[in-house]
Amino acid sequence: MGRACHIPKCPNNCTYPNGYCDRERHRCMCKKEYAGSDCKQKASHGYWETIDTDTKSFSPPGSASHGTAIYGDTMFVIGGNFFFYFY
């Protein structure tokens, strides 16, 4: 996937047996207890997810004036302003 075909559809073979590759949806389908783009992360420990920016259905709101700190294996985002309004 990607503009230069540099992103594998199912990285690390979905860390088999933690998940399997759904070739029609172009992504790993993880077992319930695993998460992440390659099913490598234990869901009970928290995990990162990749946002598909090629689709127009979701766009995260922008923010400014926030602080970020990493302590151990935890990232904290403190304060900030979101610049979107509902009318």
PDB file of N, CA and C in Angstrom:
ATOM      1  N   MET A   1       0.841  -1.172   0.000  1.00  0.00           N
ATOM      2  CA  MET A   1       0.000   0.000   0.000  1.00  0.00           C
ATOM      3  C   MET A   1       0.887   1.237   0.000  1.00  0.00           C
ATOM      4  N   GLY A   2       0.271   2.404  -0.083  1.00  0.00           N
ATOM      5  CA  GLY A   2       0.999   3.655  -0.065  1.00  0.00           C
ATOM      6  C   GLY A   2       1.344   4.126  -1.454  1.00  0.00           C
ATOM      7  N   ARG A   3       1.721   5.375  -1.561  1.00  0.00           N
ATOM      8  CA  ARG A   3       2.034   5.972  -2.858  1.00  0.00           C
ATOM      9  C   ARG A   3       3.172   5.259  -3.572  1.00  0.00           C
ATOM     10  N   ALA A   4       4.129   4.762  -2.818  1.00  0.00           N
ATOM     11  CA  ALA A   4       5.268   4.076  -3.420  1.00  0.00           C
ATOM     12  C   ALA A   4       5.225   2.562  -3.174  1.00  0.00           C
ATOM     13  N   CYS A   5       4.056   2.055  -2.800  1.00  0.00           N
ATOM     14  CA  CYS A   5       3.891   0.619  -2.488  1.00  0.00           C
ATOM     15  C   CYS A   5       4.912   0.169  -1.441  1.00  0.00           C
ATOM     16  N   HIS A   6       5.202   1.024  -0.474  1.00  0.00           N
ATOM     17  CA  HIS A   6       6.221   0.742   0.528  1.00  0.00           C
ATOM     18  C   HIS A   6       5.639   0.265   1.868  1.00  0.00           C
ATOM     19  N   ILE A   7       4.331   0.245   1.994  1.00  0.00           N
ATOM     20  CA  ILE A   7       3.695  -0.168   3.245  1.00  0.00           C
ATOM     21  C   ILE A   7       3.051  -1.534   3.031  1.00  0.00           C
ATOM     22  N   PRO A   8       3.481  -2.556   3.776  1.00  0.00           N
ATOM     23  CA  PRO A   8       2.872  -3.873   3.601  1.00  0.00           C
ATOM     24  C   PRO A   8       1.418  -3.875   4.069  1.00  0.00           C
ATOM     25  N   LYS A   9       0.569  -4.594   3.353  1.00  0.00           N
ATOM     26  CA  LYS A   9      -0.841  -4.680   3.733  1.00  0.00           C
ATOM     27  C   LYS A   9      -0.991  -5.346   5.087  1.00  0.00           C
ATOM     28  N   CYS A  10      -0.246  -6.376   5.318  1.00  0.00           N
ATOM     29  CA  CYS A  10      -0.307  -7.118   6.576  1.00  0.00           C
ATOM     30  C   CYS A  10       1.110  -7.286   7.116  1.00  0.00           C
ATOM     31  N   PRO A  11       1.614  -6.273   7.858  1.00  0.00           N
ATOM     32  CA  PRO A  11       2.994  -6.339   8.344  1.00  0.00           C
ATOM     33  C   PRO A  11       3.234  -7.533   9.257  1.00  0.00           C
ATOM     34  N   ASN A  12       4.427  -8.087   9.153  1.00  0.00           N
ATOM     35  CA  ASN A  12       4.874  -9.210   9.996  1.00  0.00           C
ATOM     36  C   ASN A  12       3.925 -10.401   9.952  1.00  0.00           C
ATOM     37  N   ASN A  13       3.207 -10.562   8.818  1.00  0.00           N
ATOM     38  CA  ASN A  13       2.237 -11.651   8.674  1.00  0.00           C
ATOM     39  C   ASN A  13       1.260 -11.668   9.850  1.00  0.00           C
ATOM     40  N   CYS A  14       0.922 -10.474  10.334  1.00  0.00           N
ATOM     41  CA  CYS A  14      -0.037 -10.286  11.449  1.00  0.00           C
ATOM     42  C   CYS A  14       0.398 -10.999  12.720  1.00  0.00           C
ATOM     43  N   THR A  15       1.728 -11.163  12.877  1.00  0.00           N
ATOM     44  CA  THR A  15       2.310 -11.842  14.034  1.00  0.00           C
ATOM     45  C   THR A  15       1.563 -13.148  14.294  1.00  0.00           C
ATOM     46  N   TYR A  16       1.393 -13.928  13.226  1.00  0.00           N
ATOM     47  CA  TYR A  16       0.688 -15.207  13.321  1.00  0.00           C
ATOM     48  C   TYR A  16       1.206 -16.007  14.493  1.00  0.00           C
ATOM     49  N   PRO A  17       0.382 -16.568  15.327  1.00  0.00           N
ATOM     50  CA  PRO A  17      -1.053 -16.810  15.261  1.00  0.00           C
ATOM     51  C   PRO A  17      -1.916 -15.754  15.963  1.00  0.00           C
ATOM     52  N   ASN A  18      -1.364 -14.553  16.250  1.00  0.00           N
ATOM     53  CA  ASN A  18      -2.148 -13.513  16.930  1.00  0.00           C
ATOM     54  C   ASN A  18      -3.261 -12.952  16.045  1.00  0.00           C
ATOM     55  N   GLY A  19      -3.147 -13.123  14.738  1.00  0.00           N
ATOM     56  CA  GLY A  19      -4.143 -12.617  13.812  1.00  0.00           C
ATOM     57  C   GLY A  19      -3.926 -13.188  12.432  1.00  0.00           C
ATOM     58  N   TYR A  20      -4.768 -12.772  11.487  1.00  0.00           N
ATOM     59  CA  TYR A  20      -4.634 -13.235  10.110  1.00  0.00           C
ATOM     60  C   TYR A  20      -4.821 -12.055   9.164  1.00  0.00           C
ATOM     61  N   CYS A  21      -4.354 -12.200   7.945  1.00  0.00           N
ATOM     62  CA  CYS A  21      -4.423 -11.133   6.956  1.00  0.00           C
ATOM     63  C   CYS A  21      -5.724 -11.232   6.170  1.00  0.00           C
ATOM     64  N   ASP A  22      -6.523 -10.181   6.212  1.00  0.00           N
ATOM     65  CA  ASP A  22      -7.729 -10.078   5.392  1.00  0.00           C
ATOM     66  C   ASP A  22      -7.317  -9.329   4.134  1.00  0.00           C
ATOM     67  N   ARG A  23      -7.085 -10.040   3.059  1.00  0.00           N
ATOM     68  CA  ARG A  23      -6.559  -9.448   1.827  1.00  0.00           C
ATOM     69  C   ARG A  23      -7.575  -8.566   1.117  1.00  0.00           C
ATOM     70  N   GLU A  24      -8.864  -8.775   1.346  1.00  0.00           N
ATOM     71  CA  GLU A  24      -9.879  -7.908   0.740  1.00  0.00           C
ATOM     72  C   GLU A  24      -9.933  -6.547   1.426  1.00  0.00           C
ATOM     73  N   ARG A  25      -9.806  -6.523   2.753  1.00  0.00           N
ATOM     74  CA  ARG A  25      -9.850  -5.273   3.518  1.00  0.00           C
ATOM     75  C   ARG A  25      -8.465  -4.651   3.665  1.00  0.00           C
ATOM     76  N   HIS A  26      -7.429  -5.383   3.233  1.00  0.00           N
ATOM     77  CA  HIS A  26      -6.049  -4.891   3.265  1.00  0.00           C
ATOM     78  C   HIS A  26      -5.581  -4.554   4.671  1.00  0.00           C
ATOM     79  N   ARG A  27      -5.857  -5.451   5.615  1.00  0.00           N
ATOM     80  CA  ARG A  27      -5.422  -5.215   6.992  1.00  0.00           C
ATOM     81  C   ARG A  27      -5.401  -6.509   7.784  1.00  0.00           C
ATOM     82  N   CYS A  28      -4.731  -6.461   8.928  1.00  0.00           N
ATOM     83  CA  CYS A  28      -4.706  -7.603   9.837  1.00  0.00           C
ATOM     84  C   CYS A  28      -5.992  -7.636  10.655  1.00  0.00           C
ATOM     85  N   MET A  29      -6.500  -8.811  10.857  1.00  0.00           N
ATOM     86  CA  MET A  29      -7.657  -9.020  11.725  1.00  0.00           C
ATOM     87  C   MET A  29      -7.122  -9.764  12.952  1.00  0.00           C
ATOM     88  N   CYS A  30      -7.085  -9.056  14.072  1.00  0.00           N
ATOM     89  CA  CYS A  30      -6.464  -9.589  15.283  1.00  0.00           C
ATOM     90  C   CYS A  30      -7.441 -10.391  16.122  1.00  0.00           C
ATOM     91  N   LYS A  31      -6.896 -11.382  16.825  1.00  0.00           N
ATOM     92  CA  LYS A  31      -7.692 -12.078  17.832  1.00  0.00           C
ATOM     93  C   LYS A  31      -8.053 -11.077  18.919  1.00  0.00           C
ATOM     94  N   LYS A  32      -9.076 -11.374  19.683  1.00  0.00           N
ATOM     95  CA  LYS A  32      -9.627 -10.453  20.681  1.00  0.00           C
ATOM     96  C   LYS A  32      -8.573  -9.876  21.633  1.00  0.00           C
ATOM     97  N   GLU A  33      -7.609 -10.670  22.041  1.00  0.00           N
ATOM     98  CA  GLU A  33      -6.640 -10.214  23.042  1.00  0.00           C
ATOM     99  C   GLU A  33      -5.448  -9.459  22.461  1.00  0.00           C
ATOM    100  N   TYR A  34      -5.391  -9.295  21.128  1.00  0.00           N
ATOM    101  CA  TYR A  34      -4.287  -8.585  20.488  1.00  0.00           C
ATOM    102  C   TYR A  34      -4.787  -7.380  19.691  1.00  0.00           C
ATOM    103  N   ALA A  35      -3.888  -6.425  19.429  1.00  0.00           N
ATOM    104  CA  ALA A  35      -4.258  -5.204  18.702  1.00  0.00           C
ATOM    105  C   ALA A  35      -3.048  -4.685  17.950  1.00  0.00           C
ATOM    106  N   GLY A  36      -3.263  -3.584  17.217  1.00  0.00           N
ATOM    107  CA  GLY A  36      -2.196  -2.956  16.465  1.00  0.00           C
ATOM    108  C   GLY A  36      -2.241  -3.355  15.002  1.00  0.00           C
ATOM    109  N   SER A  37      -1.459  -2.658  14.191  1.00  0.00           N
ATOM    110  CA  SER A  37      -1.477  -2.909  12.751  1.00  0.00           C
ATOM    111  C   SER A  37      -0.957  -4.295  12.397  1.00  0.00           C
ATOM    112  N   ASP A  38      -0.164  -4.915  13.290  1.00  0.00           N
ATOM    113  CA  ASP A  38       0.363  -6.249  13.023  1.00  0.00           C
ATOM    114  C   ASP A  38      -0.012  -7.259  14.109  1.00  0.00           C
ATOM    115  N   CYS A  39      -0.999  -6.928  14.943  1.00  0.00           N
ATOM    116  CA  CYS A  39      -1.500  -7.817  16.007  1.00  0.00           C
ATOM    117  C   CYS A  39      -0.421  -8.192  17.008  1.00  0.00           C
ATOM    118  N   LYS A  40       0.577  -7.334  17.164  1.00  0.00           N
ATOM    119  CA  LYS A  40       1.718  -7.623  18.029  1.00  0.00           C
ATOM    120  C   LYS A  40       1.485  -7.175  19.473  1.00  0.00           C
ATOM    121  N   GLN A  41       0.591  -6.218  19.675  1.00  0.00           N
ATOM    122  CA  GLN A  41       0.401  -5.623  20.996  1.00  0.00           C
ATOM    123  C   GLN A  41      -0.709  -6.316  21.772  1.00  0.00           C
ATOM    124  N   LYS A  42      -0.488  -6.513  23.054  1.00  0.00           N
ATOM    125  CA  LYS A  42      -1.540  -7.064  23.916  1.00  0.00           C
ATOM    126  C   LYS A  42      -2.569  -5.966  24.165  1.00  0.00           C
ATOM    127  N   ALA A  43      -3.809  -6.209  23.829  1.00  0.00           N
ATOM    128  CA  ALA A  43      -4.864  -5.206  23.965  1.00  0.00           C
ATOM    129  C   ALA A  43      -5.040  -4.775  25.426  1.00  0.00           C
ATOM    130  N   SER A  44      -4.826  -5.680  26.355  1.00  0.00           N
ATOM    131  CA  SER A  44      -5.000  -5.347  27.774  1.00  0.00           C
ATOM    132  C   SER A  44      -3.944  -4.366  28.282  1.00  0.00           C
ATOM    133  N   HIS A  45      -2.842  -4.191  27.551  1.00  0.00           N
ATOM    134  CA  HIS A  45      -1.775  -3.270  27.950  1.00  0.00           C
ATOM    135  C   HIS A  45      -1.903  -1.901  27.304  1.00  0.00           C
ATOM    136  N   GLY A  46      -2.938  -1.706  26.488  1.00  0.00           N
ATOM    137  CA  GLY A  46      -3.077  -0.472  25.729  1.00  0.00           C
ATOM    138  C   GLY A  46      -2.324  -0.601  24.419  1.00  0.00           C
ATOM    139  N   TYR A  47      -2.732   0.153  23.433  1.00  0.00           N
ATOM    140  CA  TYR A  47      -2.118  -0.007  22.120  1.00  0.00           C
ATOM    141  C   TYR A  47      -2.333   1.223  21.259  1.00  0.00           C
ATOM    142  N   TRP A  48      -1.511   1.336  20.208  1.00  0.00           N
ATOM    143  CA  TRP A  48      -1.618   2.390  19.201  1.00  0.00           C
ATOM    144  C   TRP A  48      -2.408   1.857  18.032  1.00  0.00           C
ATOM    145  N   GLU A  49      -3.144   2.725  17.376  1.00  0.00           N
ATOM    146  CA  GLU A  49      -3.837   2.347  16.158  1.00  0.00           C
ATOM    147  C   GLU A  49      -3.448   3.308  15.051  1.00  0.00           C
ATOM    148  N   THR A  50      -3.379   2.801  13.835  1.00  0.00           N
ATOM    149  CA  THR A  50      -3.065   3.620  12.681  1.00  0.00           C
ATOM    150  C   THR A  50      -4.352   4.186  12.112  1.00  0.00           C
ATOM    151  N   ILE A  51      -4.360   5.477  11.818  1.00  0.00           N
ATOM    152  CA  ILE A  51      -5.515   6.122  11.209  1.00  0.00           C
ATOM    153  C   ILE A  51      -5.302   6.140   9.707  1.00  0.00           C
ATOM    154  N   ASP A  52      -6.272   5.632   8.968  1.00  0.00           N
ATOM    155  CA  ASP A  52      -6.184   5.605   7.516  1.00  0.00           C
ATOM    156  C   ASP A  52      -6.497   6.988   6.974  1.00  0.00           C
ATOM    157  N   THR A  53      -5.479   7.687   6.503  1.00  0.00           N
ATOM    158  CA  THR A  53      -5.673   9.063   6.029  1.00  0.00           C
ATOM    159  C   THR A  53      -6.132   9.119   4.583  1.00  0.00           C
ATOM    160  N   ASP A  54      -6.212   7.963   3.907  1.00  0.00           N
ATOM    161  CA  ASP A  54      -6.673   7.948   2.524  1.00  0.00           C
ATOM    162  C   ASP A  54      -8.182   8.077   2.417  1.00  0.00           C
ATOM    163  N   THR A  55      -8.896   7.800   3.494  1.00  0.00           N
ATOM    164  CA  THR A  55     -10.355   7.903   3.456  1.00  0.00           C
ATOM    165  C   THR A  55     -10.777   9.286   3.935  1.00  0.00           C
ATOM    166  N   LYS A  56     -11.879   9.763   3.452  1.00  0.00           N
ATOM    167  CA  LYS A  56     -12.390  11.079   3.839  1.00  0.00           C
ATOM    168  C   LYS A  56     -13.400  10.986   4.984  1.00  0.00           C
ATOM    169  N   SER A  57     -13.640   9.764   5.486  1.00  0.00           N
ATOM    170  CA  SER A  57     -14.667   9.584   6.507  1.00  0.00           C
ATOM    171  C   SER A  57     -14.225  10.036   7.899  1.00  0.00           C
ATOM    172  N   PHE A  58     -12.915  10.138   8.134  1.00  0.00           N
ATOM    173  CA  PHE A  58     -12.451  10.522   9.464  1.00  0.00           C
ATOM    174  C   PHE A  58     -11.252  11.444   9.349  1.00  0.00           C
ATOM    175  N   SER A  59     -11.309  12.539  10.054  1.00  0.00           N
ATOM    176  CA  SER A  59     -10.183  13.446  10.128  1.00  0.00           C
ATOM    177  C   SER A  59     -10.083  13.923  11.566  1.00  0.00           C
ATOM    178  N   PRO A  60      -8.994  13.596  12.272  1.00  0.00           N
ATOM    179  CA  PRO A  60      -8.889  14.013  13.668  1.00  0.00           C
ATOM    180  C   PRO A  60      -8.807  15.530  13.778  1.00  0.00           C
ATOM    181  N   PRO A  61      -9.390  16.096  14.829  1.00  0.00           N
ATOM    182  CA  PRO A  61      -9.339  17.549  14.993  1.00  0.00           C
ATOM    183  C   PRO A  61      -7.921  18.017  15.315  1.00  0.00           C
ATOM    184  N   GLY A  62      -7.582  19.202  14.844  1.00  0.00           N
ATOM    185  CA  GLY A  62      -6.285  19.774  15.159  1.00  0.00           C
ATOM    186  C   GLY A  62      -6.275  20.336  16.569  1.00  0.00           C
ATOM    187  N   SER A  63      -5.111  20.489  17.125  1.00  0.00           N
ATOM    188  CA  SER A  63      -5.000  21.081  18.453  1.00  0.00           C
ATOM    189  C   SER A  63      -3.725  21.914  18.530  1.00  0.00           C
ATOM    190  N   ALA A  64      -3.680  22.792  19.521  1.00  0.00           N
ATOM    191  CA  ALA A  64      -2.510  23.648  19.721  1.00  0.00           C
ATOM    192  C   ALA A  64      -2.367  23.950  21.206  1.00  0.00           C
ATOM    193  N   SER A  65      -1.230  24.459  21.583  1.00  0.00           N
ATOM    194  CA  SER A  65      -0.942  24.895  22.955  1.00  0.00           C
ATOM    195  C   SER A  65      -1.053  23.762  23.964  1.00  0.00           C
ATOM    196  N   HIS A  66      -0.629  22.582  23.586  1.00  0.00           N
ATOM    197  CA  HIS A  66      -0.646  21.464  24.518  1.00  0.00           C
ATOM    198  C   HIS A  66       0.787  21.066  24.861  1.00  0.00           C
ATOM    199  N   GLY A  67       0.926  20.290  25.896  1.00  0.00           N
ATOM    200  CA  GLY A  67       2.230  19.763  26.270  1.00  0.00           C
ATOM    201  C   GLY A  67       2.194  18.246  26.214  1.00  0.00           C
ATOM    202  N   THR A  68       3.301  17.644  25.854  1.00  0.00           N
ATOM    203  CA  THR A  68       3.385  16.195  25.772  1.00  0.00           C
ATOM    204  C   THR A  68       4.617  15.736  26.520  1.00  0.00           C
ATOM    205  N   ALA A  69       4.448  14.675  27.297  1.00  0.00           N
ATOM    206  CA  ALA A  69       5.576  14.118  28.039  1.00  0.00           C
ATOM    207  C   ALA A  69       5.495  12.596  27.990  1.00  0.00           C
ATOM    208  N   ILE A  70       6.645  11.961  27.908  1.00  0.00           N
ATOM    209  CA  ILE A  70       6.709  10.501  27.960  1.00  0.00           C
ATOM    210  C   ILE A  70       7.436  10.132  29.240  1.00  0.00           C
ATOM    211  N   TYR A  71       6.781   9.270  30.019  1.00  0.00           N
ATOM    212  CA  TYR A  71       7.358   8.789  31.270  1.00  0.00           C
ATOM    213  C   TYR A  71       7.242   7.271  31.257  1.00  0.00           C
ATOM    214  N   GLY A  72       8.369   6.596  31.226  1.00  0.00           N
ATOM    215  CA  GLY A  72       8.331   5.138  31.118  1.00  0.00           C
ATOM    216  C   GLY A  72       7.733   4.736  29.785  1.00  0.00           C
ATOM    217  N   ASP A  73       6.675   3.935  29.831  1.00  0.00           N
ATOM    218  CA  ASP A  73       6.017   3.518  28.592  1.00  0.00           C
ATOM    219  C   ASP A  73       4.667   4.202  28.403  1.00  0.00           C
ATOM    220  N   THR A  74       4.495   5.376  29.033  1.00  0.00           N
ATOM    221  CA  THR A  74       3.232   6.108  28.962  1.00  0.00           C
ATOM    222  C   THR A  74       3.462   7.497  28.379  1.00  0.00           C
ATOM    223  N   MET A  75       2.568   7.925  27.485  1.00  0.00           N
ATOM    224  CA  MET A  75       2.627   9.267  26.934  1.00  0.00           C
ATOM    225  C   MET A  75       1.454  10.070  27.478  1.00  0.00           C
ATOM    226  N   PHE A  76       1.738  11.253  27.968  1.00  0.00           N
ATOM    227  CA  PHE A  76       0.721  12.149  28.508  1.00  0.00           C
ATOM    228  C   PHE A  76       0.590  13.365  27.602  1.00  0.00           C
ATOM    229  N   VAL A  77      -0.637  13.727  27.236  1.00  0.00           N
ATOM    230  CA  VAL A  77      -0.916  14.952  26.495  1.00  0.00           C
ATOM    231  C   VAL A  77      -1.733  15.821  27.447  1.00  0.00           C
ATOM    232  N   ILE A  78      -1.210  17.013  27.748  1.00  0.00           N
ATOM    233  CA  ILE A  78      -1.795  17.856  28.784  1.00  0.00           C
ATOM    234  C   ILE A  78      -2.251  19.173  28.183  1.00  0.00           C
ATOM    235  N   GLY A  79      -3.495  19.546  28.475  1.00  0.00           N
ATOM    236  CA  GLY A  79      -4.024  20.833  28.035  1.00  0.00           C
ATOM    237  C   GLY A  79      -4.220  20.899  26.544  1.00  0.00           C
ATOM    238  N   GLY A  80      -4.299  22.098  26.031  1.00  0.00           N
ATOM    239  CA  GLY A  80      -4.451  22.308  24.601  1.00  0.00           C
ATOM    240  C   GLY A  80      -5.839  22.791  24.233  1.00  0.00           C
ATOM    241  N   ASN A  81      -5.941  23.303  23.037  1.00  0.00           N
ATOM    242  CA  ASN A  81      -7.208  23.782  22.499  1.00  0.00           C
ATOM    243  C   ASN A  81      -7.518  23.042  21.213  1.00  0.00           C
ATOM    244  N   PHE A  82      -8.794  22.713  21.035  1.00  0.00           N
ATOM    245  CA  PHE A  82      -9.255  22.120  19.786  1.00  0.00           C
ATOM    246  C   PHE A  82      -9.952  23.202  19.004  1.00  0.00           C
ATOM    247  N   PHE A  83      -9.683  23.273  17.731  1.00  0.00           N
ATOM    248  CA  PHE A  83     -10.236  24.329  16.903  1.00  0.00           C
ATOM    249  C   PHE A  83     -11.284  23.800  15.941  1.00  0.00           C
ATOM    250  N   PHE A  84     -12.390  23.356  16.499  1.00  0.00           N
ATOM    251  CA  PHE A  84     -13.529  22.977  15.692  1.00  0.00           C
ATOM    252  C   PHE A  84     -14.782  23.321  16.496  1.00  0.00           C
ATOM    253  N   TYR A  85     -15.797  23.727  15.807  1.00  0.00           N
ATOM    254  CA  TYR A  85     -17.015  24.159  16.466  1.00  0.00           C
ATOM    255  C   TYR A  85     -18.217  23.526  15.796  1.00  0.00           C
ATOM    256  N   PHE A  86     -19.242  23.270  16.576  1.00  0.00           N
ATOM    257  CA  PHE A  86     -20.492  22.735  16.038  1.00  0.00           C
ATOM    258  C   PHE A  86     -21.500  23.869  15.974  1.00  0.00           C
ATOM    259  N   TYR A  87     -22.060  24.105  14.828  1.00  0.00           N
ATOM    260  CA  TYR A  87     -23.056  25.181  14.669  1.00  0.00           C
ATOM    261  C   TYR A  87     -24.413  24.585  14.409  1.00  0.00           C
TER     262      TYR A  87
END
